[in-house]
Amino acid sequence: MPRQIFISTLILCFAFPSISYSQNADSTRFLSPLVSNEAYQAGKMPRRLVHPELGPMIRLASWNIEDATELDSLITAITSSIKYAALIDPERAPVGSEAYQNAITQRSILAGSDVLVLQQTDIGMRRSRYRNSVKEIAKTLGMNYAFAPEQVEVNPEKALGLSGSAVFSRYPIKDVKVFPLVYQVSGSQTARRIFMRVDLNVPELPDETLTVININLESDCEPQDREIQLREILTTIRDIKHPVVLAGNFNSASGNLTQFTFGSDMRRAATDPNVLATPVISVFVPAGVVVNAASRSINLGKNFHNPTSGNIPILAPNRAKGLFDELEFFRFADGGAFDFRGTPARSFDGKINPLANSNERMGAGFKTTFDTYQSLYNISGAYRLDWIFVKPVGLTHPFDNHASFRCAPHFGATLKEMNTSLTRPISNHSPNVVDLPLQEPTIDEKIESSFIKPVKKPGMKG
């Protein structure tokens, strides 16, 4: 599509006239990435955070910033504790309260990030007042960056705008590739789901590289469609031999996130065997209507907070479970696996459940990352949609506590209060953070060998 490449060139030159950009093999299918190492070239270096038990480490944060509509508050939250405190709602978090202190503490955690993985960043879009959020964030924080457009806005008032994903890093950027997903749910001519690969120069790691995969899966689709998109991403990154962080908005709901309405639920009931079975259950269970309503509400709540929970057709279905099975059973070409471990000394708040080291757990589920102002079946509109998955050094089994913890996820946390305690929340999503030790950490903890979970592919017997 020669005209599309020409349009993308005009857009990039308009947005960043002083920065060169590269066209990879996929640019003929959509738009090219913007890459800048200006911070590194100006002499700005990584902070080299050191934890008493982890040693030298990288702190990585991932956040869907909802079109950068609260850009000033985002920058303030990362750069100034004093100015940030003025943004806190005194009714939600009064000064001196636990909620207030949580927000202040979480802000400082986010501010210590070496790598920011952001989704829904804007350049010249009307909804974000035509600002260049990528350039403003990078300049203010003194970070290198890569930006991958996935939506174009042709606006007669202010020319052209872009929306997409970005990675900001205190480490130099070695390479960037953008991959338009082959499986597209939407037929839009101005938007296309993509994922981006950003290779960072980290001398302490194998190949002196940490690869960041920034994803934002489709929301306007069913769970099986997101599974197809994820499989496509995993196939593309399979040959990477060094550590990998896969982070972003997985939209890991058990249904179509844009169609949670009564009408759509009734249409789904006409074809979903889980719903069709409800009258049958009602026949055999006294007060079946009440029981079914309660079980449905409990199951919905379970899935919202813990989309990794088991999928029991009809009784307790969880259609999002397949997404996490794909990640658990996936192996890189070198045998490497994503880290699903949960150990008390390496997780936030001492949790031991699966994925506790990389993603903050709460109760039997996970701390939610997305809030909506609607309710569904009288359940609070809070979901766990955003995740961080890590391929560390030398891990070949997702649950192997005897394997290395070098560049493995530690203290994964969801910084919800620093966002929701504000008078105007920065986004309807909240950020996730994780610490990655650059060498083998010295944490002393008892390892239970029985915790290693046997791995078998879905559908295998025994």
Protein backbone atom coordinates (compact mmCIF):
# COMPACT_ATOMS: atom_id res chain seq x y z
CA MET A 1 0.00 0.00 0.00
CA PRO A 2 2.28 2.82 -1.18
CA ARG A 3 -0.21 5.53 -0.26
CA GLN A 4 -0.45 4.27 3.31
CA ILE A 5 3.31 4.38 3.74
CA PHE A 6 3.30 7.91 2.34
CA ILE A 7 0.59 8.97 4.77
CA SER A 8 2.46 7.44 7.69
CA THR A 9 5.60 9.29 6.64
CA LEU A 10 3.75 12.59 6.63
CA ILE A 11 2.26 11.87 10.04
CA LEU A 12 5.60 10.98 11.59
CA CYS A 13 7.36 13.99 10.12
CA PHE A 14 4.55 16.23 11.35
CA ALA A 15 4.65 14.76 14.87
CA PHE A 16 8.43 14.46 15.27
CA PRO A 17 10.19 16.59 12.65
CA SER A 18 13.62 16.18 14.30
CA ILE A 19 13.57 12.40 14.82
CA SER A 20 14.39 9.68 12.35
CA TYR A 21 12.23 6.58 12.19
CA SER A 22 12.72 3.10 10.82
CA GLN A 23 10.46 1.12 8.52
CA ASN A 24 10.51 -2.58 9.29
CA ALA A 25 9.18 -5.37 7.15
CA ASP A 26 5.67 -4.91 8.48
CA SER A 27 5.40 -1.19 7.79
CA THR A 28 3.75 -1.86 4.45
CA ARG A 29 0.79 -3.22 6.40
CA PHE A 30 0.35 -0.35 8.77
CA LEU A 31 2.52 2.39 10.28
CA SER A 32 6.18 2.56 11.28
CA PRO A 33 7.49 3.01 14.83
CA LEU A 34 9.04 6.14 16.23
CA VAL A 35 12.29 5.53 18.10
CA SER A 36 14.39 8.01 20.05
CA ASN A 37 17.54 7.57 22.16
CA GLU A 38 17.86 11.31 22.74
CA ALA A 39 18.02 10.86 26.51
CA TYR A 40 20.92 8.42 26.24
CA GLN A 41 22.69 10.63 23.72
CA ALA A 42 22.34 13.54 26.17
CA GLY A 43 24.18 11.51 28.79
CA LYS A 44 21.21 10.36 30.87
CA MET A 45 21.78 6.89 32.31
CA PRO A 46 19.73 4.27 34.20
CA ARG A 47 19.30 4.92 37.92
CA ARG A 48 20.70 1.49 38.87
CA LEU A 49 18.27 0.84 41.69
CA VAL A 50 19.67 -1.54 44.31
CA HIS A 51 17.47 -3.60 46.61
CA PRO A 52 19.03 -5.03 49.80
CA GLU A 53 18.06 -8.59 48.84
CA LEU A 54 17.55 -8.38 45.08
CA GLY A 55 20.71 -6.41 44.41
CA PRO A 56 20.81 -4.31 41.22
CA MET A 57 17.40 -4.41 39.58
CA ILE A 58 15.08 -2.98 36.96
CA ARG A 59 11.65 -1.72 37.95
CA LEU A 60 9.11 -2.00 35.13
CA ALA A 61 5.62 -0.52 35.14
CA SER A 62 2.78 -1.14 32.70
CA TRP A 63 -0.24 1.15 32.38
CA ASN A 64 -3.11 1.76 30.00
CA ILE A 65 -3.37 5.54 30.35
CA GLU A 66 -6.75 5.87 28.59
CA ASP A 67 -5.82 8.11 25.68
CA ALA A 68 -3.60 10.38 27.83
CA THR A 69 -6.57 12.59 28.64
CA GLU A 70 -5.07 13.31 32.10
CA LEU A 71 -1.51 13.78 30.87
CA ASP A 72 -0.58 16.56 33.31
CA SER A 73 -1.64 14.46 36.29
CA LEU A 74 0.29 11.48 34.95
CA ILE A 75 3.50 13.48 34.65
CA THR A 76 2.92 15.06 38.06
CA ALA A 77 2.41 11.65 39.67
CA ILE A 78 5.81 10.48 38.44
CA THR A 79 7.81 13.65 38.98
CA SER A 80 6.55 15.45 42.11
CA SER A 81 5.33 14.04 45.42
CA ILE A 82 4.25 17.48 46.63
CA LYS A 83 2.21 18.36 43.55
CA TYR A 84 0.80 14.85 43.44
CA ALA A 85 -0.49 15.16 47.02
CA ALA A 86 -2.55 18.16 45.93
CA LEU A 87 -4.39 15.95 43.42
CA ILE A 88 -5.66 13.55 46.10
CA ASP A 89 -9.37 13.77 46.88
CA PRO A 90 -9.69 14.71 50.59
CA GLU A 91 -12.96 12.77 50.86
CA ARG A 92 -11.63 9.56 49.33
CA ALA A 93 -8.28 9.74 51.11
CA PRO A 94 -8.12 12.30 53.94
CA VAL A 95 -4.67 13.50 54.94
CA GLY A 96 -3.21 11.15 57.53
CA SER A 97 -5.51 8.25 56.63
CA GLU A 98 -4.31 4.82 55.53
CA ALA A 99 -5.76 5.46 52.07
CA TYR A 100 -3.75 8.69 51.79
CA GLN A 101 -0.52 7.00 52.86
CA ASN A 102 -1.12 4.13 50.42
CA ALA A 103 -1.51 6.58 47.56
CA ILE A 104 1.69 8.44 48.49
CA THR A 105 3.66 5.19 48.85
CA GLN A 106 2.40 3.81 45.56
CA ARG A 107 3.30 7.03 43.79
CA SER A 108 6.91 6.70 44.96
CA ILE A 109 7.02 3.10 43.70
CA LEU A 110 5.85 4.19 40.25
CA ALA A 111 8.30 7.11 40.23
CA GLY A 112 11.18 4.64 40.64
CA SER A 113 10.44 2.86 37.37
CA ASP A 114 13.24 2.37 34.84
CA VAL A 115 10.84 1.18 32.13
CA LEU A 116 7.29 2.37 31.43
CA VAL A 117 5.11 0.25 29.15
CA LEU A 118 2.10 2.36 28.17
CA GLN A 119 -0.99 1.69 26.10
CA GLN A 120 -3.37 4.21 24.55
CA THR A 121 -0.91 7.06 24.20
CA ASP A 122 -1.86 9.93 21.90
CA ILE A 123 -0.12 12.27 19.49
CA GLY A 124 -2.22 15.11 18.11
CA MET A 125 -5.60 13.52 18.86
CA ARG A 126 -8.63 15.70 19.51
CA ARG A 127 -9.67 13.79 22.67
CA SER A 128 -6.33 14.60 24.32
CA ARG A 129 -6.40 18.22 23.15
CA TYR A 130 -3.93 17.64 20.29
CA ARG A 131 -0.99 17.22 22.65
CA ASN A 132 2.02 15.04 21.93
CA SER A 133 1.88 12.84 25.02
CA VAL A 134 4.82 10.68 23.92
CA LYS A 135 7.21 13.57 23.52
CA GLU A 136 6.04 15.33 26.68
CA ILE A 137 6.45 12.22 28.83
CA ALA A 138 9.87 11.41 27.40
CA LYS A 139 11.20 14.94 27.75
CA THR A 140 9.91 15.45 31.29
CA LEU A 141 11.17 12.08 32.57
CA GLY A 142 14.42 12.11 30.60
CA MET A 143 13.75 8.73 29.01
CA ASN A 144 14.33 7.09 25.64
CA TYR A 145 11.19 5.92 23.89
CA ALA A 146 9.58 3.92 21.14
CA PHE A 147 6.05 4.57 19.89
CA ALA A 148 3.93 2.31 17.68
CA PRO A 149 0.79 3.83 16.11
CA GLU A 150 -2.32 1.71 15.71
CA GLN A 151 -4.96 4.33 15.02
CA VAL A 152 -5.01 7.35 12.70
CA GLU A 153 -7.30 10.34 13.14
CA VAL A 154 -7.73 12.65 10.17
CA ASN A 155 -8.86 15.88 11.76
CA PRO A 156 -9.53 18.94 9.59
CA GLU A 157 -8.88 21.27 12.52
CA LYS A 158 -5.38 20.11 13.46
CA ALA A 159 -4.22 17.88 10.59
CA LEU A 160 -3.44 14.28 11.60
CA GLY A 161 -3.39 12.44 14.92
CA LEU A 162 -2.12 9.09 16.16
CA SER A 163 -2.91 6.73 19.00
CA GLY A 164 -0.91 3.68 19.96
CA SER A 165 1.45 2.03 22.42
CA ALA A 166 4.78 3.25 23.77
CA VAL A 167 7.76 2.05 25.79
CA PHE A 168 9.83 4.57 27.75
CA SER A 169 13.20 3.44 29.08
CA ARG A 170 16.19 4.76 30.99
CA TYR A 171 18.16 2.06 29.18
CA PRO A 172 19.15 2.65 25.54
CA ILE A 173 16.87 1.13 22.92
CA LYS A 174 18.62 -1.34 20.59
CA ASP A 175 15.83 -2.27 18.23
CA VAL A 176 12.08 -1.86 17.73
CA LYS A 177 9.66 -3.90 15.65
CA VAL A 178 5.94 -3.42 15.20
CA PHE A 179 3.72 -6.34 14.22
CA PRO A 180 0.18 -5.72 12.99
CA LEU A 181 -1.87 -8.69 14.13
CA VAL A 182 -3.11 -10.84 11.28
CA TYR A 183 -6.26 -11.70 13.20
CA GLN A 184 -8.26 -8.48 13.29
CA VAL A 185 -11.76 -8.36 14.75
CA SER A 186 -12.53 -4.86 13.50
CA GLY A 187 -12.68 -4.02 9.82
CA SER A 188 -11.65 -0.41 10.43
CA GLN A 189 -9.49 1.30 7.82
CA THR A 190 -8.05 3.76 10.35
CA ALA A 191 -7.24 1.41 13.24
CA ARG A 192 -5.44 -1.91 13.52
CA ARG A 193 -4.47 -3.99 16.56
CA ILE A 194 -0.71 -4.30 16.84
CA PHE A 195 1.94 -5.38 19.30
CA MET A 196 5.44 -4.00 19.59
CA ARG A 197 8.80 -5.54 20.48
CA VAL A 198 11.39 -3.25 22.07
CA ASP A 199 14.91 -4.54 22.77
CA LEU A 200 16.68 -2.66 25.56
CA ASN A 201 20.42 -2.62 26.08
CA VAL A 202 20.97 -4.10 29.57
CA PRO A 203 24.64 -5.20 29.85
CA GLU A 204 24.06 -7.36 32.95
CA LEU A 205 21.64 -9.74 31.17
CA PRO A 206 22.25 -12.54 28.62
CA ASP A 207 22.79 -11.10 25.14
CA GLU A 208 22.93 -7.75 27.01
CA THR A 209 19.24 -7.48 26.19
CA LEU A 210 15.83 -7.27 27.84
CA THR A 211 12.97 -7.58 25.37
CA VAL A 212 9.70 -5.83 26.19
CA ILE A 213 6.55 -6.93 24.37
CA ASN A 214 3.80 -4.32 24.66
CA ILE A 215 0.31 -5.61 23.86
CA ASN A 216 -3.24 -4.31 23.85
CA LEU A 217 -5.59 -7.14 22.87
CA GLU A 218 -9.01 -6.57 21.35
CA SER A 219 -11.89 -5.65 23.67
CA ASP A 220 -14.75 -5.86 21.16
CA CYS A 221 -14.64 -9.63 20.78
CA GLU A 222 -15.13 -12.94 22.55
CA PRO A 223 -12.41 -14.62 24.67
CA GLN A 224 -11.52 -17.14 21.96
CA ASP A 225 -10.65 -14.26 19.63
CA ARG A 226 -8.16 -12.91 22.17
CA GLU A 227 -6.66 -16.38 22.47
CA ILE A 228 -6.02 -16.37 18.72
CA GLN A 229 -4.33 -12.97 18.96
CA LEU A 230 -2.17 -14.12 21.89
CA ARG A 231 -1.11 -17.31 20.07
CA GLU A 232 -0.03 -15.15 17.15
CA ILE A 233 2.10 -13.01 19.46
CA LEU A 234 3.66 -16.01 21.19
CA THR A 235 4.52 -17.63 17.87
CA THR A 236 6.27 -14.45 16.78
CA ILE A 237 8.42 -14.16 19.93
CA ARG A 238 9.19 -17.87 20.35
CA ASP A 239 12.82 -17.66 19.21
CA ILE A 240 13.91 -15.03 21.74
CA LYS A 241 16.66 -16.52 23.92
CA HIS A 242 17.16 -13.80 26.53
CA PRO A 243 14.73 -12.46 29.20
CA VAL A 244 11.35 -11.23 28.01
CA VAL A 245 8.62 -9.13 29.62
CA LEU A 246 5.16 -9.45 28.10
CA ALA A 247 3.00 -6.65 29.49
CA GLY A 248 -0.06 -4.62 28.72
CA ASN A 249 -3.83 -4.70 28.49
CA PHE A 250 -4.95 -8.29 27.87
CA ASN A 251 -8.66 -7.40 28.16
CA SER A 252 -8.94 -10.74 29.96
CA ALA A 253 -12.70 -10.80 30.48
CA SER A 254 -14.95 -13.80 30.03
CA GLY A 255 -16.95 -12.01 27.37
CA ASN A 256 -17.10 -9.06 25.00
CA LEU A 257 -16.14 -6.01 27.06
CA THR A 258 -18.06 -3.60 24.83
CA GLN A 259 -21.36 -5.51 24.95
CA PHE A 260 -22.18 -6.06 28.61
CA THR A 261 -25.85 -5.11 28.21
CA PHE A 262 -29.10 -6.92 28.94
CA GLY A 263 -29.81 -7.35 25.23
CA SER A 264 -26.44 -8.82 24.42
CA ASP A 265 -26.66 -11.13 27.43
CA MET A 266 -30.02 -12.46 26.23
CA ARG A 267 -28.62 -13.01 22.73
CA ARG A 268 -25.68 -14.86 24.24
CA ALA A 269 -28.11 -16.97 26.26
CA ALA A 270 -29.67 -18.26 23.06
CA THR A 271 -26.45 -19.98 21.99
CA ASP A 272 -24.37 -20.45 25.15
CA PRO A 273 -24.75 -23.99 26.59
CA ASN A 274 -23.78 -22.63 30.01
CA VAL A 275 -26.88 -20.43 29.96
CA LEU A 276 -29.13 -22.95 28.19
CA ALA A 277 -28.44 -25.39 31.04
CA THR A 278 -29.87 -22.99 33.61
CA PRO A 279 -33.54 -24.07 33.25
CA VAL A 280 -32.43 -27.70 33.60
CA ILE A 281 -30.64 -26.93 36.86
CA SER A 282 -33.65 -24.98 38.05
CA VAL A 283 -35.88 -28.03 37.65
CA PHE A 284 -33.79 -30.11 40.03
CA VAL A 285 -32.86 -27.40 42.55
CA PRO A 286 -35.50 -25.92 44.87
CA ALA A 287 -35.85 -22.17 44.43
CA GLY A 288 -33.79 -22.61 41.28
CA VAL A 289 -34.20 -19.06 40.07
CA VAL A 290 -32.68 -17.67 43.25
CA VAL A 291 -29.90 -20.26 43.25
CA ASN A 292 -29.07 -19.62 39.62
CA ALA A 293 -29.01 -15.85 40.10
CA ALA A 294 -26.73 -16.18 43.11
CA SER A 295 -24.38 -18.68 41.49
CA ARG A 296 -24.21 -16.59 38.34
CA SER A 297 -23.35 -13.48 40.34
CA ILE A 298 -20.73 -15.33 42.39
CA ASN A 299 -19.21 -16.84 39.25
CA LEU A 300 -19.11 -13.47 37.48
CA GLY A 301 -17.43 -11.90 40.48
CA LYS A 302 -14.94 -14.75 40.62
CA ASN A 303 -14.04 -14.34 36.96
CA PHE A 304 -13.77 -10.54 37.14
CA HIS A 305 -11.25 -10.72 39.99
CA ASN A 306 -9.54 -13.93 38.94
CA PRO A 307 -9.78 -14.71 35.21
CA THR A 308 -7.18 -17.47 35.77
CA SER A 309 -9.67 -19.49 37.85
CA GLY A 310 -10.76 -22.89 36.61
CA ASN A 311 -13.25 -23.29 33.80
CA ILE A 312 -16.04 -25.70 34.83
CA PRO A 313 -18.58 -25.73 31.98
CA ILE A 314 -22.20 -25.07 33.00
CA LEU A 315 -21.52 -25.01 36.76
CA ALA A 316 -18.76 -22.39 36.93
CA PRO A 317 -17.65 -21.38 33.45
CA ASN A 318 -14.66 -19.12 32.94
CA ARG A 319 -14.17 -18.41 29.26
CA ALA A 320 -11.05 -16.32 29.92
CA LYS A 321 -9.10 -19.27 31.34
CA GLY A 322 -7.81 -20.31 27.90
CA LEU A 323 -5.79 -17.11 27.64
CA PHE A 324 -3.76 -18.05 30.72
CA ASP A 325 -3.44 -21.69 29.64
CA GLU A 326 -1.77 -20.43 26.47
CA LEU A 327 0.82 -18.61 28.57
CA GLU A 328 1.37 -21.38 31.11
CA PHE A 329 1.93 -24.13 28.53
CA PHE A 330 3.93 -22.00 26.10
CA ARG A 331 7.65 -22.72 25.71
CA PHE A 332 10.23 -20.62 23.94
CA ALA A 333 12.50 -22.34 21.43
CA ASP A 334 15.25 -22.56 24.09
CA GLY A 335 12.85 -24.28 26.52
CA GLY A 336 12.21 -21.12 28.52
CA ALA A 337 8.85 -20.56 30.22
CA PHE A 338 6.88 -17.66 31.63
CA ASP A 339 7.15 -17.36 35.41
CA PHE A 340 3.96 -18.41 37.23
CA ARG A 341 5.59 -18.72 40.65
CA GLY A 342 4.24 -17.38 43.90
CA THR A 343 6.54 -17.41 46.94
CA PRO A 344 6.00 -15.50 50.21
CA ALA A 345 9.36 -13.72 50.29
CA ARG A 346 9.15 -12.61 46.64
CA SER A 347 5.50 -11.60 46.33
CA PHE A 348 3.64 -8.55 47.49
CA ASP A 349 2.10 -9.15 50.91
CA GLY A 350 3.56 -12.67 51.20
CA LYS A 351 1.19 -14.51 48.85
CA ILE A 352 1.98 -18.03 47.60
CA ASN A 353 -0.62 -18.50 44.87
CA PRO A 354 0.25 -18.83 41.17
CA LEU A 355 1.47 -15.59 39.55
CA ALA A 356 1.74 -13.87 42.94
CA ASN A 357 5.36 -12.83 42.29
CA SER A 358 4.43 -10.97 39.09
CA ASN A 359 0.84 -9.82 39.63
CA GLU A 360 -0.61 -8.73 42.95
CA ARG A 361 -3.12 -11.13 44.42
CA MET A 362 -5.96 -10.21 46.74
CA GLY A 363 -8.01 -12.82 48.56
CA ALA A 364 -8.59 -15.79 46.28
CA GLY A 365 -8.13 -13.65 43.18
CA PHE A 366 -6.10 -10.68 41.98
CA LYS A 367 -6.25 -7.00 42.70
CA THR A 368 -8.37 -5.47 39.95
CA THR A 369 -6.90 -3.04 37.44
CA PHE A 370 -9.93 -1.65 35.62
CA ASP A 371 -12.96 0.18 36.97
CA THR A 372 -16.14 0.95 35.13
CA TYR A 373 -18.93 3.19 36.34
CA GLN A 374 -21.63 0.69 35.44
CA SER A 375 -22.76 -2.38 37.30
CA LEU A 376 -23.49 -5.83 35.95
CA TYR A 377 -25.80 -8.19 37.81
CA ASN A 378 -25.36 -5.91 40.83
CA ILE A 379 -21.63 -6.59 40.90
CA SER A 380 -19.10 -3.79 41.12
CA GLY A 381 -17.62 -3.03 37.73
CA ALA A 382 -14.01 -3.93 38.55
CA TYR A 383 -11.93 -6.31 36.46
CA ARG A 384 -8.41 -7.68 36.24
CA LEU A 385 -7.54 -6.86 32.63
CA ASP A 386 -3.87 -5.82 32.80
CA TRP A 387 -0.96 -8.21 33.41
CA ILE A 388 2.81 -8.65 33.44
CA PHE A 389 4.41 -11.95 32.43
CA VAL A 390 8.15 -12.55 32.57
CA LYS A 391 10.50 -15.07 30.98
CA PRO A 392 13.47 -15.00 33.42
CA VAL A 393 16.91 -16.56 33.07
CA GLY A 394 16.96 -20.37 33.11
CA LEU A 395 13.31 -21.13 33.98
CA THR A 396 11.89 -24.07 32.00
CA HIS A 397 8.90 -24.88 34.22
CA PRO A 398 6.43 -22.12 35.16
CA PHE A 399 6.25 -23.22 38.82
CA ASP A 400 9.82 -24.44 39.51
CA ASN A 401 10.91 -22.84 42.78
CA HIS A 402 14.30 -24.55 42.51
CA ALA A 403 15.18 -22.71 39.30
CA SER A 404 17.00 -19.38 39.04
CA PHE A 405 15.28 -16.18 40.09
CA ARG A 406 17.59 -13.96 38.04
CA CYS A 407 15.48 -11.44 36.12
CA ALA A 408 12.42 -13.18 37.57
CA PRO A 409 9.45 -11.07 38.70
CA HIS A 410 9.48 -9.92 42.33
CA PHE A 411 6.96 -7.93 44.38
CA GLY A 412 4.45 -7.51 41.57
CA ALA A 413 1.99 -4.84 42.68
CA THR A 414 -1.08 -3.06 41.36
CA LEU A 415 -0.94 0.63 42.28
CA LYS A 416 -4.66 1.16 42.32
CA GLU A 417 -4.96 3.61 45.22
CA MET A 418 -2.51 6.11 43.73
CA ASN A 419 -4.90 6.37 40.80
CA THR A 420 -8.38 5.97 42.29
CA SER A 421 -7.71 8.24 45.29
CA LEU A 422 -7.37 11.28 43.03
CA THR A 423 -10.13 13.80 42.48
CA ARG A 424 -9.80 12.99 38.79
CA PRO A 425 -8.27 9.53 38.28
CA ILE A 426 -5.54 9.48 35.64
CA SER A 427 -7.12 6.49 33.87
CA ASN A 428 -9.86 3.91 34.27
CA HIS A 429 -6.97 1.41 34.39
CA SER A 430 -4.43 1.27 37.22
CA PRO A 431 -0.69 0.57 36.77
CA ASN A 432 1.13 -2.68 37.53
CA VAL A 433 4.80 -2.77 38.56
CA VAL A 434 7.38 -5.52 39.00
CA ASP A 435 11.04 -5.63 40.08
CA LEU A 436 13.54 -7.68 38.03
CA PRO A 437 16.90 -8.53 39.70
CA LEU A 438 19.86 -8.38 37.32
CA GLN A 439 21.73 -11.05 39.28
CA GLU A 440 20.70 -14.03 41.42
CA PRO A 441 18.93 -12.51 44.46
CA THR A 442 19.94 -13.48 47.99
CA ILE A 443 16.46 -13.89 49.43
CA ASP A 444 16.40 -16.68 52.02
CA GLU A 445 13.20 -18.68 52.03
CA LYS A 446 12.10 -22.27 52.46
CA ILE A 447 11.17 -23.83 49.15
CA GLU A 448 8.49 -26.48 49.12
CA SER A 449 9.25 -28.92 46.31
CA SER A 450 5.65 -30.13 46.36
CA PHE A 451 4.56 -26.68 45.14
CA ILE A 452 5.83 -27.49 41.64
CA LYS A 453 2.69 -27.95 39.62
CA PRO A 454 2.71 -30.72 36.98
CA VAL A 455 2.36 -29.32 33.50
CA LYS A 456 0.12 -30.94 30.95
CA LYS A 457 -1.45 -29.45 27.89
CA PRO A 458 -5.19 -28.76 27.86
CA GLY A 459 -7.07 -31.86 26.84
CA MET A 460 -4.40 -34.34 28.02
CA LYS A 461 -5.62 -37.15 30.27
CA GLY A 462 -3.95 -38.36 33.45
